[in-house]
Every structure is written in structure tokens, then in C-alpha cells.
Amino acid sequence: MHHQFLGLFIDEWASLVAIGGGLGTAIALIMRAVLLPLKNSIDNLNQTIKALDNTTKDNARRIDKLEDRFEEHIGEAKVRNQRISVLEKEVFRHDEH
């Protein structure tokens, strides 16, 4: 004697459960196969972005230092040029006398 539940016999329910479990497992494996590499790719991308950000900050600091040094050199050059101008004036004044 076969028993029915919601219009299906017990062996039909067993088949549905087995098929459902198999499909669930297949879907889980497919998702793992897709999502794990995707997660790894996202993690790698995050690390690359962090490295680029650090590199950008380092470059900005270097540029700031170079700008400061360049401005110092410009200031020193102005002072030298002024001294040269003063010396030239003194030399030309001595030549005239």
C-alpha cells in the first residue's frame, strides 16, 4: 500500500528531494567556482588600489620636498645674482677710477 501526501506518493517525494538536493549541491558548487575567484579578484584589486594610493602619497611627499628644495635653490640663486651685481658694480667703479 502506497501512501500519498499532497498528491504524490512517498517514492515520488523521495525522488524530488534527491533531485532538489542534487540541484542545490550543483548550484552551490557553481557558485563557489564563480564566487571564490571573484572574491579573490576583488581582494587583489583592493590590494592594488591600496598600493597605488600609498605610491601616490609617497610621490606627493617627494614632489613637495622637491618643490621646497627648488624654491630654496631659486632663493639662493637670487642672492648670488644680487652679490654678483654688487661685485660687478664695484669692479666697474674701480676700473673707471
PDB file of N, CA and C in Angstrom:
ATOM      1  N   MET A   1       0.829  -1.165   0.000  1.00  0.00           N
ATOM      2  CA  MET A   1       0.000   0.000   0.000  1.00  0.00           C
ATOM      3  C   MET A   1       0.882   1.240   0.000  1.00  0.00           C
ATOM      4  N   HIS A   2       0.628   2.115  -0.939  1.00  0.00           N
ATOM      5  CA  HIS A   2       1.379   3.358  -1.064  1.00  0.00           C
ATOM      6  C   HIS A   2       0.575   4.488  -0.458  1.00  0.00           C
ATOM      7  N   HIS A   3       1.302   5.337   0.279  1.00  0.00           N
ATOM      8  CA  HIS A   3       0.642   6.498   0.878  1.00  0.00           C
ATOM      9  C   HIS A   3       0.908   7.729   0.022  1.00  0.00           C
ATOM     10  N   GLN A   4      -0.108   8.575  -0.024  1.00  0.00           N
ATOM     11  CA  GLN A   4       0.030   9.820  -0.773  1.00  0.00           C
ATOM     12  C   GLN A   4       0.056  11.004   0.190  1.00  0.00           C
ATOM     13  N   PHE A   5       0.837  12.023  -0.228  1.00  0.00           N
ATOM     14  CA  PHE A   5       0.864  13.265   0.536  1.00  0.00           C
ATOM     15  C   PHE A   5       0.894  14.396  -0.481  1.00  0.00           C
ATOM     16  N   LEU A   6      -0.085  15.266  -0.448  1.00  0.00           N
ATOM     17  CA  LEU A   6      -0.240  16.354  -1.412  1.00  0.00           C
ATOM     18  C   LEU A   6      -0.218  15.838  -2.855  1.00  0.00           C
ATOM     19  N   GLY A   7      -0.846  14.730  -3.073  1.00  0.00           N
ATOM     20  CA  GLY A   7      -1.000  14.188  -4.423  1.00  0.00           C
ATOM     21  C   GLY A   7       0.186  13.397  -4.924  1.00  0.00           C
ATOM     22  N   LEU A   8       1.247  13.221  -4.117  1.00  0.00           N
ATOM     23  CA  LEU A   8       2.418  12.466  -4.567  1.00  0.00           C
ATOM     24  C   LEU A   8       2.658  11.293  -3.629  1.00  0.00           C
ATOM     25  N   PHE A   9       3.132  10.203  -4.232  1.00  0.00           N
ATOM     26  CA  PHE A   9       3.490   9.038  -3.435  1.00  0.00           C
ATOM     27  C   PHE A   9       4.846   9.284  -2.783  1.00  0.00           C
ATOM     28  N   ILE A  10       5.132   8.481  -1.776  1.00  0.00           N
ATOM     29  CA  ILE A  10       6.363   8.651  -0.984  1.00  0.00           C
ATOM     30  C   ILE A  10       7.611   8.510  -1.845  1.00  0.00           C
ATOM     31  N   ASP A  11       7.616   7.612  -2.810  1.00  0.00           N
ATOM     32  CA  ASP A  11       8.797   7.446  -3.665  1.00  0.00           C
ATOM     33  C   ASP A  11       8.962   8.646  -4.601  1.00  0.00           C
ATOM     34  N   GLU A  12       7.845   9.277  -4.986  1.00  0.00           N
ATOM     35  CA  GLU A  12       7.942  10.486  -5.805  1.00  0.00           C
ATOM     36  C   GLU A  12       8.533  11.639  -4.985  1.00  0.00           C
ATOM     37  N   TRP A  13       8.112  11.719  -3.715  1.00  0.00           N
ATOM     38  CA  TRP A  13       8.693  12.727  -2.829  1.00  0.00           C
ATOM     39  C   TRP A  13      10.191  12.495  -2.649  1.00  0.00           C
ATOM     40  N   ALA A  14      10.578  11.263  -2.489  1.00  0.00           N
ATOM     41  CA  ALA A  14      11.990  10.918  -2.319  1.00  0.00           C
ATOM     42  C   ALA A  14      12.779  11.332  -3.552  1.00  0.00           C
ATOM     43  N   SER A  15      12.209  11.082  -4.734  1.00  0.00           N
ATOM     44  CA  SER A  15      12.873  11.486  -5.979  1.00  0.00           C
ATOM     45  C   SER A  15      13.018  13.007  -6.036  1.00  0.00           C
ATOM     46  N   LEU A  16      11.948  13.717  -5.676  1.00  0.00           N
ATOM     47  CA  LEU A  16      12.007  15.184  -5.697  1.00  0.00           C
ATOM     48  C   LEU A  16      13.057  15.713  -4.722  1.00  0.00           C
ATOM     49  N   VAL A  17      13.112  15.117  -3.545  1.00  0.00           N
ATOM     50  CA  VAL A  17      14.105  15.545  -2.557  1.00  0.00           C
ATOM     51  C   VAL A  17      15.514  15.270  -3.067  1.00  0.00           C
ATOM     52  N   ALA A  18      15.710  14.086  -3.676  1.00  0.00           N
ATOM     53  CA  ALA A  18      17.027  13.739  -4.210  1.00  0.00           C
ATOM     54  C   ALA A  18      17.413  14.693  -5.337  1.00  0.00           C
ATOM     55  N   ILE A  19      16.475  14.970  -6.242  1.00  0.00           N
ATOM     56  CA  ILE A  19      16.747  15.893  -7.355  1.00  0.00           C
ATOM     57  C   ILE A  19      17.034  17.290  -6.804  1.00  0.00           C
ATOM     58  N   GLY A  20      16.205  17.736  -5.855  1.00  0.00           N
ATOM     59  CA  GLY A  20      16.413  19.056  -5.242  1.00  0.00           C
ATOM     60  C   GLY A  20      17.758  19.166  -4.555  1.00  0.00           C
ATOM     61  N   GLY A  21      18.132  18.116  -3.831  1.00  0.00           N
ATOM     62  CA  GLY A  21      19.435  18.119  -3.163  1.00  0.00           C
ATOM     63  C   GLY A  21      20.574  18.160  -4.157  1.00  0.00           C
ATOM     64  N   GLY A  22      20.417  17.381  -5.227  1.00  0.00           N
ATOM     65  CA  GLY A  22      21.456  17.369  -6.270  1.00  0.00           C
ATOM     66  C   GLY A  22      21.584  18.729  -6.940  1.00  0.00           C
ATOM     67  N   LEU A  23      20.426  19.345  -7.242  1.00  0.00           N
ATOM     68  CA  LEU A  23      20.453  20.676  -7.848  1.00  0.00           C
ATOM     69  C   LEU A  23      21.054  21.704  -6.891  1.00  0.00           C
ATOM     70  N   GLY A  24      20.692  21.590  -5.622  1.00  0.00           N
ATOM     71  CA  GLY A  24      21.251  22.506  -4.623  1.00  0.00           C
ATOM     72  C   GLY A  24      22.752  22.377  -4.528  1.00  0.00           C
ATOM     73  N   THR A  25      23.231  21.148  -4.532  1.00  0.00           N
ATOM     74  CA  THR A  25      24.673  20.910  -4.485  1.00  0.00           C
ATOM     75  C   THR A  25      25.347  21.457  -5.730  1.00  0.00           C
ATOM     76  N   ALA A  26      24.731  21.195  -6.897  1.00  0.00           N
ATOM     77  CA  ALA A  26      25.297  21.697  -8.152  1.00  0.00           C
ATOM     78  C   ALA A  26      25.350  23.224  -8.143  1.00  0.00           C
ATOM     79  N   ILE A  27      24.273  23.857  -7.692  1.00  0.00           N
ATOM     80  CA  ILE A  27      24.248  25.322  -7.635  1.00  0.00           C
ATOM     81  C   ILE A  27      25.308  25.832  -6.661  1.00  0.00           C
ATOM     82  N   ALA A  28      25.443  25.172  -5.522  1.00  0.00           N
ATOM     83  CA  ALA A  28      26.447  25.580  -4.536  1.00  0.00           C
ATOM     84  C   ALA A  28      27.854  25.460  -5.114  1.00  0.00           C
ATOM     85  N   LEU A  29      28.129  24.364  -5.842  1.00  0.00           N
ATOM     86  CA  LEU A  29      29.457  24.175  -6.447  1.00  0.00           C
ATOM     87  C   LEU A  29      29.726  25.226  -7.518  1.00  0.00           C
ATOM     88  N   ILE A  30      28.703  25.501  -8.339  1.00  0.00           N
ATOM     89  CA  ILE A  30      28.867  26.509  -9.385  1.00  0.00           C
ATOM     90  C   ILE A  30      29.119  27.879  -8.762  1.00  0.00           C
ATOM     91  N   MET A  31      28.345  28.202  -7.724  1.00  0.00           N
ATOM     92  CA  MET A  31      28.532  29.493  -7.072  1.00  0.00           C
ATOM     93  C   MET A  31      29.917  29.591  -6.442  1.00  0.00           C
ATOM     94  N   ARG A  32      30.361  28.511  -5.826  1.00  0.00           N
ATOM     95  CA  ARG A  32      31.689  28.507  -5.229  1.00  0.00           C
ATOM     96  C   ARG A  32      32.744  28.679  -6.315  1.00  0.00           C
ATOM     97  N   ALA A  33      32.540  27.987  -7.456  1.00  0.00           N
ATOM     98  CA  ALA A  33      33.501  28.074  -8.555  1.00  0.00           C
ATOM     99  C   ALA A  33      33.537  29.488  -9.139  1.00  0.00           C
ATOM    100  N   VAL A  34      32.421  30.197  -9.110  1.00  0.00           N
ATOM    101  CA  VAL A  34      32.358  31.557  -9.665  1.00  0.00           C
ATOM    102  C   VAL A  34      32.710  32.593  -8.602  1.00  0.00           C
ATOM    103  N   LEU A  35      32.127  32.454  -7.424  1.00  0.00           N
ATOM    104  CA  LEU A  35      32.276  33.489  -6.409  1.00  0.00           C
ATOM    105  C   LEU A  35      33.655  33.511  -5.754  1.00  0.00           C
ATOM    106  N   LEU A  36      34.277  32.359  -5.578  1.00  0.00           N
ATOM    107  CA  LEU A  36      35.594  32.345  -4.946  1.00  0.00           C
ATOM    108  C   LEU A  36      36.636  33.071  -5.803  1.00  0.00           C
ATOM    109  N   PRO A  37      36.727  32.765  -7.117  1.00  0.00           N
ATOM    110  CA  PRO A  37      37.667  33.546  -7.936  1.00  0.00           C
ATOM    111  C   PRO A  37      37.299  35.041  -7.979  1.00  0.00           C
ATOM    112  N   LEU A  38      36.004  35.322  -7.990  1.00  0.00           N
ATOM    113  CA  LEU A  38      35.570  36.717  -7.989  1.00  0.00           C
ATOM    114  C   LEU A  38      36.010  37.412  -6.702  1.00  0.00           C
ATOM    115  N   LYS A  39      35.846  36.730  -5.568  1.00  0.00           N
ATOM    116  CA  LYS A  39      36.285  37.296  -4.288  1.00  0.00           C
ATOM    117  C   LYS A  39      37.787  37.521  -4.294  1.00  0.00           C
ATOM    118  N   ASN A  40      38.536  36.541  -4.809  1.00  0.00           N
ATOM    119  CA  ASN A  40      39.995  36.681  -4.879  1.00  0.00           C
ATOM    120  C   ASN A  40      40.380  37.854  -5.777  1.00  0.00           C
ATOM    121  N   SER A  41      39.682  37.991  -6.895  1.00  0.00           N
ATOM    122  CA  SER A  41      39.965  39.109  -7.798  1.00  0.00           C
ATOM    123  C   SER A  41      39.682  40.441  -7.125  1.00  0.00           C
ATOM    124  N   ILE A  42      38.590  40.517  -6.397  1.00  0.00           N
ATOM    125  CA  ILE A  42      38.246  41.758  -5.686  1.00  0.00           C
ATOM    126  C   ILE A  42      39.288  42.048  -4.609  1.00  0.00           C
ATOM    127  N   ASP A  43      39.728  41.020  -3.889  1.00  0.00           N
ATOM    128  CA  ASP A  43      40.767  41.211  -2.873  1.00  0.00           C
ATOM    129  C   ASP A  43      42.055  41.718  -3.509  1.00  0.00           C
ATOM    130  N   ASN A  44      42.437  41.123  -4.640  1.00  0.00           N
ATOM    131  CA  ASN A  44      43.644  41.563  -5.346  1.00  0.00           C
ATOM    132  C   ASN A  44      43.498  43.008  -5.819  1.00  0.00           C
ATOM    133  N   LEU A  45      42.323  43.339  -6.320  1.00  0.00           N
ATOM    134  CA  LEU A  45      42.066  44.707  -6.773  1.00  0.00           C
ATOM    135  C   LEU A  45      42.177  45.683  -5.607  1.00  0.00           C
ATOM    136  N   ASN A  46      41.624  45.312  -4.456  1.00  0.00           N
ATOM    137  CA  ASN A  46      41.726  46.167  -3.268  1.00  0.00           C
ATOM    138  C   ASN A  46      43.176  46.384  -2.857  1.00  0.00           C
ATOM    139  N   GLN A  47      43.969  45.328  -2.896  1.00  0.00           N
ATOM    140  CA  GLN A  47      45.393  45.449  -2.542  1.00  0.00           C
ATOM    141  C   GLN A  47      46.110  46.359  -3.540  1.00  0.00           C
ATOM    142  N   THR A  48      45.790  46.213  -4.821  1.00  0.00           N
ATOM    143  CA  THR A  48      46.406  47.054  -5.842  1.00  0.00           C
ATOM    144  C   THR A  48      46.034  48.516  -5.637  1.00  0.00           C
ATOM    145  N   ILE A  49      44.762  48.764  -5.330  1.00  0.00           N
ATOM    146  CA  ILE A  49      44.313  50.141  -5.089  1.00  0.00           C
ATOM    147  C   ILE A  49      45.030  50.729  -3.879  1.00  0.00           C
ATOM    148  N   LYS A  50      45.172  49.941  -2.810  1.00  0.00           N
ATOM    149  CA  LYS A  50      45.885  50.421  -1.625  1.00  0.00           C
ATOM    150  C   LYS A  50      47.343  50.730  -1.964  1.00  0.00           C
ATOM    151  N   ALA A  51      47.973  49.853  -2.732  1.00  0.00           N
ATOM    152  CA  ALA A  51      49.371  50.072  -3.118  1.00  0.00           C
ATOM    153  C   ALA A  51      49.494  51.337  -3.966  1.00  0.00           C
ATOM    154  N   LEU A  52      48.557  51.532  -4.894  1.00  0.00           N
ATOM    155  CA  LEU A  52      48.574  52.745  -5.725  1.00  0.00           C
ATOM    156  C   LEU A  52      48.369  53.985  -4.868  1.00  0.00           C
ATOM    157  N   ASP A  53      47.477  53.889  -3.903  1.00  0.00           N
ATOM    158  CA  ASP A  53      47.221  55.020  -3.012  1.00  0.00           C
ATOM    159  C   ASP A  53      48.483  55.365  -2.224  1.00  0.00           C
ATOM    160  N   ASN A  54      49.154  54.331  -1.698  1.00  0.00           N
ATOM    161  CA  ASN A  54      50.392  54.563  -0.956  1.00  0.00           C
ATOM    162  C   ASN A  54      51.459  55.167  -1.864  1.00  0.00           C
ATOM    163  N   THR A  55      51.565  54.655  -3.088  1.00  0.00           N
ATOM    164  CA  THR A  55      52.539  55.177  -4.040  1.00  0.00           C
ATOM    165  C   THR A  55      52.229  56.635  -4.360  1.00  0.00           C
ATOM    166  N   THR A  56      50.954  56.947  -4.534  1.00  0.00           N
ATOM    167  CA  THR A  56      50.548  58.318  -4.833  1.00  0.00           C
ATOM    168  C   THR A  56      50.915  59.243  -3.683  1.00  0.00           C
ATOM    169  N   LYS A  57      50.655  58.797  -2.446  1.00  0.00           N
ATOM    170  CA  LYS A  57      51.010  59.613  -1.283  1.00  0.00           C
ATOM    171  C   LYS A  57      52.521  59.805  -1.195  1.00  0.00           C
ATOM    172  N   ASP A  58      53.287  58.728  -1.443  1.00  0.00           N
ATOM    173  CA  ASP A  58      54.754  58.831  -1.422  1.00  0.00           C
ATOM    174  C   ASP A  58      55.232  59.816  -2.481  1.00  0.00           C
ATOM    175  N   ASN A  59      54.662  59.709  -3.684  1.00  0.00           N
ATOM    176  CA  ASN A  59      55.047  60.614  -4.766  1.00  0.00           C
ATOM    177  C   ASN A  59      54.700  62.059  -4.426  1.00  0.00           C
ATOM    178  N   ALA A  60      53.559  62.274  -3.799  1.00  0.00           N
ATOM    179  CA  ALA A  60      53.163  63.633  -3.412  1.00  0.00           C
ATOM    180  C   ALA A  60      54.155  64.201  -2.401  1.00  0.00           C
ATOM    181  N   ARG A  61      54.581  63.373  -1.439  1.00  0.00           N
ATOM    182  CA  ARG A  61      55.573  63.828  -0.450  1.00  0.00           C
ATOM    183  C   ARG A  61      56.895  64.163  -1.139  1.00  0.00           C
ATOM    184  N   ARG A  62      57.310  63.310  -2.075  1.00  0.00           N
ATOM    185  CA  ARG A  62      58.563  63.575  -2.800  1.00  0.00           C
ATOM    186  C   ARG A  62      58.468  64.869  -3.593  1.00  0.00           C
ATOM    187  N   ILE A  63      57.339  65.062  -4.251  1.00  0.00           N
ATOM    188  CA  ILE A  63      57.154  66.283  -5.045  1.00  0.00           C
ATOM    189  C   ILE A  63      57.194  67.508  -4.141  1.00  0.00           C
ATOM    190  N   ASP A  64      56.549  67.426  -2.977  1.00  0.00           N
ATOM    191  CA  ASP A  64      56.588  68.545  -2.032  1.00  0.00           C
ATOM    192  C   ASP A  64      58.028  68.864  -1.622  1.00  0.00           C
ATOM    193  N   LYS A  65      58.805  67.820  -1.329  1.00  0.00           N
ATOM    194  CA  LYS A  65      60.203  68.035  -0.943  1.00  0.00           C
ATOM    195  C   LYS A  65      60.990  68.664  -2.088  1.00  0.00           C
ATOM    196  N   LEU A  66      60.768  68.147  -3.313  1.00  0.00           N
ATOM    197  CA  LEU A  66      61.470  68.705  -4.473  1.00  0.00           C
ATOM    198  C   LEU A  66      61.092  70.158  -4.696  1.00  0.00           C
ATOM    199  N   GLU A  67      59.806  70.475  -4.540  1.00  0.00           N
ATOM    200  CA  GLU A  67      59.374  71.867  -4.691  1.00  0.00           C
ATOM    201  C   GLU A  67      60.049  72.756  -3.659  1.00  0.00           C
ATOM    202  N   ASP A  68      60.113  72.271  -2.419  1.00  0.00           N
ATOM    203  CA  ASP A  68      60.772  73.048  -1.367  1.00  0.00           C
ATOM    204  C   ASP A  68      62.246  73.275  -1.702  1.00  0.00           C
ATOM    205  N   ARG A  69      62.926  72.225  -2.137  1.00  0.00           N
ATOM    206  CA  ARG A  69      64.348  72.344  -2.491  1.00  0.00           C
ATOM    207  C   ARG A  69      64.529  73.275  -3.680  1.00  0.00           C
ATOM    208  N   PHE A  70      63.631  73.174  -4.664  1.00  0.00           N
ATOM    209  CA  PHE A  70      63.708  74.036  -5.839  1.00  0.00           C
ATOM    210  C   PHE A  70      63.555  75.506  -5.429  1.00  0.00           C
ATOM    211  N   GLU A  71      62.595  75.776  -4.553  1.00  0.00           N
ATOM    212  CA  GLU A  71      62.396  77.149  -4.079  1.00  0.00           C
ATOM    213  C   GLU A  71      63.618  77.643  -3.315  1.00  0.00           C
ATOM    214  N   GLU A  72      64.240  76.748  -2.531  1.00  0.00           N
ATOM    215  CA  GLU A  72      65.475  77.126  -1.828  1.00  0.00           C
ATOM    216  C   GLU A  72      66.556  77.499  -2.833  1.00  0.00           C
ATOM    217  N   HIS A  73      66.697  76.692  -3.883  1.00  0.00           N
ATOM    218  CA  HIS A  73      67.712  76.961  -4.906  1.00  0.00           C
ATOM    219  C   HIS A  73      67.436  78.280  -5.610  1.00  0.00           C
ATOM    220  N   ILE A  74      66.160  78.555  -5.887  1.00  0.00           N
ATOM    221  CA  ILE A  74      65.814  79.827  -6.529  1.00  0.00           C
ATOM    222  C   ILE A  74      66.203  80.993  -5.616  1.00  0.00           C
ATOM    223  N   GLY A  75      65.886  80.846  -4.327  1.00  0.00           N
ATOM    224  CA  GLY A  75      66.262  81.893  -3.370  1.00  0.00           C
ATOM    225  C   GLY A  75      67.766  82.089  -3.309  1.00  0.00           C
ATOM    226  N   GLU A  76      68.507  80.965  -3.273  1.00  0.00           N
ATOM    227  CA  GLU A  76      69.973  81.048  -3.236  1.00  0.00           C
ATOM    228  C   GLU A  76      70.498  81.686  -4.518  1.00  0.00           C
ATOM    229  N   ALA A  77      69.906  81.343  -5.648  1.00  0.00           N
ATOM    230  CA  ALA A  77      70.344  81.916  -6.923  1.00  0.00           C
ATOM    231  C   ALA A  77      70.091  83.420  -6.956  1.00  0.00           C
ATOM    232  N   LYS A  78      68.964  83.859  -6.427  1.00  0.00           N
ATOM    233  CA  LYS A  78      68.672  85.302  -6.377  1.00  0.00           C
ATOM    234  C   LYS A  78      69.716  86.025  -5.531  1.00  0.00           C
ATOM    235  N   VAL A  79      70.055  85.429  -4.383  1.00  0.00           N
ATOM    236  CA  VAL A  79      71.066  86.032  -3.508  1.00  0.00           C
ATOM    237  C   VAL A  79      72.404  86.099  -4.235  1.00  0.00           C
ATOM    238  N   ARG A  80      72.790  85.015  -4.914  1.00  0.00           N
ATOM    239  CA  ARG A  80      74.055  85.001  -5.667  1.00  0.00           C
ATOM    240  C   ARG A  80      74.053  86.059  -6.762  1.00  0.00           C
ATOM    241  N   ASN A  81      72.928  86.155  -7.480  1.00  0.00           N
ATOM    242  CA  ASN A  81      72.838  87.148  -8.556  1.00  0.00           C
ATOM    243  C   ASN A  81      72.965  88.565  -8.012  1.00  0.00           C
ATOM    244  N   GLN A  82      72.363  88.812  -6.852  1.00  0.00           N
ATOM    245  CA  GLN A  82      72.479  90.136  -6.240  1.00  0.00           C
ATOM    246  C   GLN A  82      73.932  90.417  -5.853  1.00  0.00           C
ATOM    247  N   ARG A  83      74.601  89.424  -5.281  1.00  0.00           N
ATOM    248  CA  ARG A  83      76.016  89.591  -4.904  1.00  0.00           C
ATOM    249  C   ARG A  83      76.868  89.847  -6.145  1.00  0.00           C
ATOM    250  N   ILE A  84      76.594  89.097  -7.209  1.00  0.00           N
ATOM    251  CA  ILE A  84      77.346  89.288  -8.456  1.00  0.00           C
ATOM    252  C   ILE A  84      77.127  90.700  -8.986  1.00  0.00           C
ATOM    253  N   SER A  85      75.874  91.152  -8.955  1.00  0.00           N
ATOM    254  CA  SER A  85      75.580  92.508  -9.432  1.00  0.00           C
ATOM    255  C   SER A  85      76.345  93.541  -8.615  1.00  0.00           C
ATOM    256  N   VAL A  86      76.368  93.376  -7.297  1.00  0.00           N
ATOM    257  CA  VAL A  86      77.090  94.308  -6.435  1.00  0.00           C
ATOM    258  C   VAL A  86      78.579  94.274  -6.752  1.00  0.00           C
ATOM    259  N   LEU A  87      79.129  93.068  -6.901  1.00  0.00           N
ATOM    260  CA  LEU A  87      80.550  92.931  -7.216  1.00  0.00           C
ATOM    261  C   LEU A  87      80.870  93.544  -8.579  1.00  0.00           C
ATOM    262  N   GLU A  88      79.996  93.320  -9.571  1.00  0.00           N
ATOM    263  CA  GLU A  88      80.224  93.901 -10.900  1.00  0.00           C
ATOM    264  C   GLU A  88      80.254  95.425 -10.816  1.00  0.00           C
ATOM    265  N   LYS A  89      79.318  95.987 -10.054  1.00  0.00           N
ATOM    266  CA  LYS A  89      79.280  97.440  -9.908  1.00  0.00           C
ATOM    267  C   LYS A  89      80.566  97.943  -9.256  1.00  0.00           C
ATOM    268  N   GLU A  90      81.049  97.218  -8.224  1.00  0.00           N
ATOM    269  CA  GLU A  90      82.277  97.622  -7.560  1.00  0.00           C
ATOM    270  C   GLU A  90      83.468  97.542  -8.516  1.00  0.00           C
ATOM    271  N   VAL A  91      83.534  96.455  -9.293  1.00  0.00           N
ATOM    272  CA  VAL A  91      84.646  96.263 -10.241  1.00  0.00           C
ATOM    273  C   VAL A  91      84.621  97.369 -11.289  1.00  0.00           C
ATOM    274  N   PHE A  92      83.462  97.656 -11.844  1.00  0.00           N
ATOM    275  CA  PHE A  92      83.371  98.697 -12.876  1.00  0.00           C
ATOM    276  C   PHE A  92      83.685 100.074 -12.297  1.00  0.00           C
ATOM    277  N   ARG A  93      83.287 100.326 -11.033  1.00  0.00           N
ATOM    278  CA  ARG A  93      83.607 101.601 -10.401  1.00  0.00           C
ATOM    279  C   ARG A  93      85.115 101.753 -10.221  1.00  0.00           C
ATOM    280  N   HIS A  94      85.776 100.630  -9.843  1.00  0.00           N
ATOM    281  CA  HIS A  94      87.249 100.672  -9.662  1.00  0.00           C
ATOM    282  C   HIS A  94      87.941 100.857 -10.982  1.00  0.00           C
ATOM    283  N   ASP A  95      87.401 100.259 -12.071  1.00  0.00           N
ATOM    284  CA  ASP A  95      88.019 100.402 -13.386  1.00  0.00           C
ATOM    285  C   ASP A  95      87.927 101.850 -13.885  1.00  0.00           C
ATOM    286  N   GLU A  96      86.855 102.524 -13.528  1.00  0.00           N
ATOM    287  CA  GLU A  96      86.660 103.889 -14.003  1.00  0.00           C
ATOM    288  C   GLU A  96      87.622 104.862 -13.310  1.00  0.00           C
ATOM    289  N   HIS A  97      88.057 104.542 -12.092  1.00  0.00           N
ATOM    290  CA  HIS A  97      88.929 105.459 -11.347  1.00  0.00           C
ATOM    291  C   HIS A  97      90.338 105.236 -11.639  1.00  0.00           C
TER     292      HIS A  97
END
